[in-house]
Amino acid sequence: MGMHVYIGKVQSETFDYEIAKAGEGDYHGYYPDQITPYLECNGLYGVIMKHEDAVQTDWGCWVVKMQKEDILDHVIQWGSVVDHKWLVEFLEYETDYLLVALETA
């Protein structure tokens, strides 16, 4: 069983954050499209799960909608400095993303 963290899309053809937030998603394999490789999660996985704004979208998936600054704050505090460095260049300002905690079999 793996515990992974990545940055995902808020909306795609197969996932919509607003539908998940309203509790109307499929809940079986309903998780955001991945736009980054897996991040070093250290304590970040648990922080996402327990975040006050976390939305559970699947039996093993929790997401938190954030913008670049908040994601970087979380990655710096609970993740990896290595991830922080390339995320600064990769993520765009004033764009919503999902910080995703995904458990896989």
Protein backbone atom coordinates (compact mmCIF):
# COMPACT_ATOMS: atom_id res chain seq x y z
CA MET A 1 0.00 0.00 0.00
CA GLY A 2 1.40 3.39 -0.98
CA MET A 3 0.71 6.83 0.38
CA HIS A 4 1.31 9.45 -2.28
CA VAL A 5 1.06 13.22 -2.55
CA TYR A 6 0.78 15.13 -5.80
CA ILE A 7 -0.67 18.28 -7.32
CA GLY A 8 -3.85 17.70 -9.28
CA LYS A 9 -6.24 19.52 -11.59
CA VAL A 10 -9.32 21.11 -10.08
CA GLN A 11 -11.38 20.09 -13.08
CA SER A 12 -10.90 17.70 -15.99
CA GLU A 13 -12.98 15.35 -18.13
CA THR A 14 -12.92 12.73 -15.37
CA PHE A 15 -12.93 14.85 -12.19
CA ASP A 16 -14.65 17.97 -10.91
CA TYR A 17 -13.76 19.39 -7.50
CA GLU A 18 -17.15 21.06 -7.05
CA ILE A 19 -18.95 17.75 -7.65
CA ALA A 20 -16.64 16.02 -5.16
CA LYS A 21 -17.09 18.82 -2.61
CA ALA A 22 -20.87 18.47 -2.90
CA GLY A 23 -20.52 14.72 -2.24
CA GLU A 24 -21.94 13.83 -5.63
CA GLY A 25 -18.92 12.07 -7.15
CA ASP A 26 -18.66 8.38 -7.93
CA TYR A 27 -16.39 7.82 -4.90
CA HIS A 28 -14.83 4.75 -6.61
CA GLY A 29 -11.62 5.81 -8.31
CA TYR A 30 -12.72 9.45 -8.25
CA TYR A 31 -9.55 11.45 -7.84
CA PRO A 32 -7.96 14.38 -9.69
CA ASP A 33 -5.76 14.13 -12.74
CA GLN A 34 -2.12 14.27 -11.70
CA ILE A 35 -0.11 17.21 -13.06
CA THR A 36 3.09 16.64 -11.06
CA PRO A 37 5.11 13.58 -10.18
CA TYR A 38 4.60 12.27 -6.68
CA LEU A 39 6.07 14.61 -4.08
CA GLU A 40 8.10 13.46 -1.07
CA CYS A 41 5.29 13.30 1.42
CA ASN A 42 6.97 12.94 4.84
CA GLY A 43 4.22 14.40 7.06
CA LEU A 44 2.35 16.06 4.21
CA TYR A 45 -0.01 13.13 3.57
CA GLY A 46 -1.50 13.28 7.07
CA VAL A 47 -1.66 17.08 7.00
CA ILE A 48 -3.79 16.94 3.84
CA MET A 49 -6.12 14.30 5.30
CA LYS A 50 -6.65 16.30 8.48
CA HIS A 51 -6.82 19.74 6.84
CA GLU A 52 -9.99 21.63 7.79
CA ASP A 53 -10.85 22.13 4.10
CA ALA A 54 -10.06 18.56 2.98
CA VAL A 55 -12.60 16.84 0.75
CA GLN A 56 -12.58 13.04 0.59
CA THR A 57 -13.20 12.06 -3.04
CA ASP A 58 -12.49 8.33 -2.91
CA TRP A 59 -11.98 5.68 -0.20
CA GLY A 60 -8.30 6.61 -0.15
CA CYS A 61 -8.12 10.14 -1.57
CA TRP A 62 -8.32 13.54 0.09
CA VAL A 63 -7.86 16.87 -1.66
CA VAL A 64 -7.41 20.45 -0.55
CA LYS A 65 -7.95 23.30 -3.00
CA MET A 66 -5.07 25.77 -2.80
CA GLN A 67 -3.10 28.29 -4.78
CA LYS A 68 0.66 28.34 -5.35
CA GLU A 69 1.61 30.19 -2.17
CA ASP A 70 -0.33 27.84 0.12
CA ILE A 71 0.95 24.73 -1.64
CA LEU A 72 4.54 25.94 -1.30
CA ASP A 73 3.99 26.72 2.39
CA HIS A 74 2.73 23.19 2.99
CA VAL A 75 5.47 21.53 0.93
CA ILE A 76 8.18 23.54 2.68
CA GLN A 77 6.81 22.80 6.14
CA TRP A 78 5.75 19.16 5.71
CA GLY A 79 7.35 17.91 2.50
CA SER A 80 10.67 18.40 0.79
CA VAL A 81 12.93 21.32 -0.06
CA VAL A 82 13.76 19.54 -3.32
CA ASP A 83 10.07 19.57 -4.32
CA HIS A 84 9.78 23.20 -3.27
CA LYS A 85 12.50 24.34 -5.66
CA TRP A 86 10.95 23.03 -8.88
CA LEU A 87 7.37 23.77 -7.79
CA VAL A 88 8.25 27.47 -7.57
CA GLU A 89 8.85 27.43 -11.33
CA PHE A 90 6.11 24.94 -12.24
CA LEU A 91 3.04 26.37 -10.48
CA GLU A 92 1.38 29.57 -11.65
CA TYR A 93 0.17 32.39 -9.42
CA GLU A 94 -3.58 33.01 -9.04
CA THR A 95 -4.39 29.50 -10.26
CA ASP A 96 -6.27 26.92 -8.22
CA TYR A 97 -4.74 23.48 -7.76
CA LEU A 98 -5.51 20.47 -5.60
CA LEU A 99 -3.02 19.18 -3.10
CA VAL A 100 -3.82 15.47 -3.17
CA ALA A 101 -3.20 12.66 -0.68
CA LEU A 102 -3.81 9.32 -2.43
CA GLU A 103 -3.58 5.84 -0.98
CA THR A 104 -2.96 3.09 -3.51
CA ALA A 105 -3.04 -0.68 -3.23
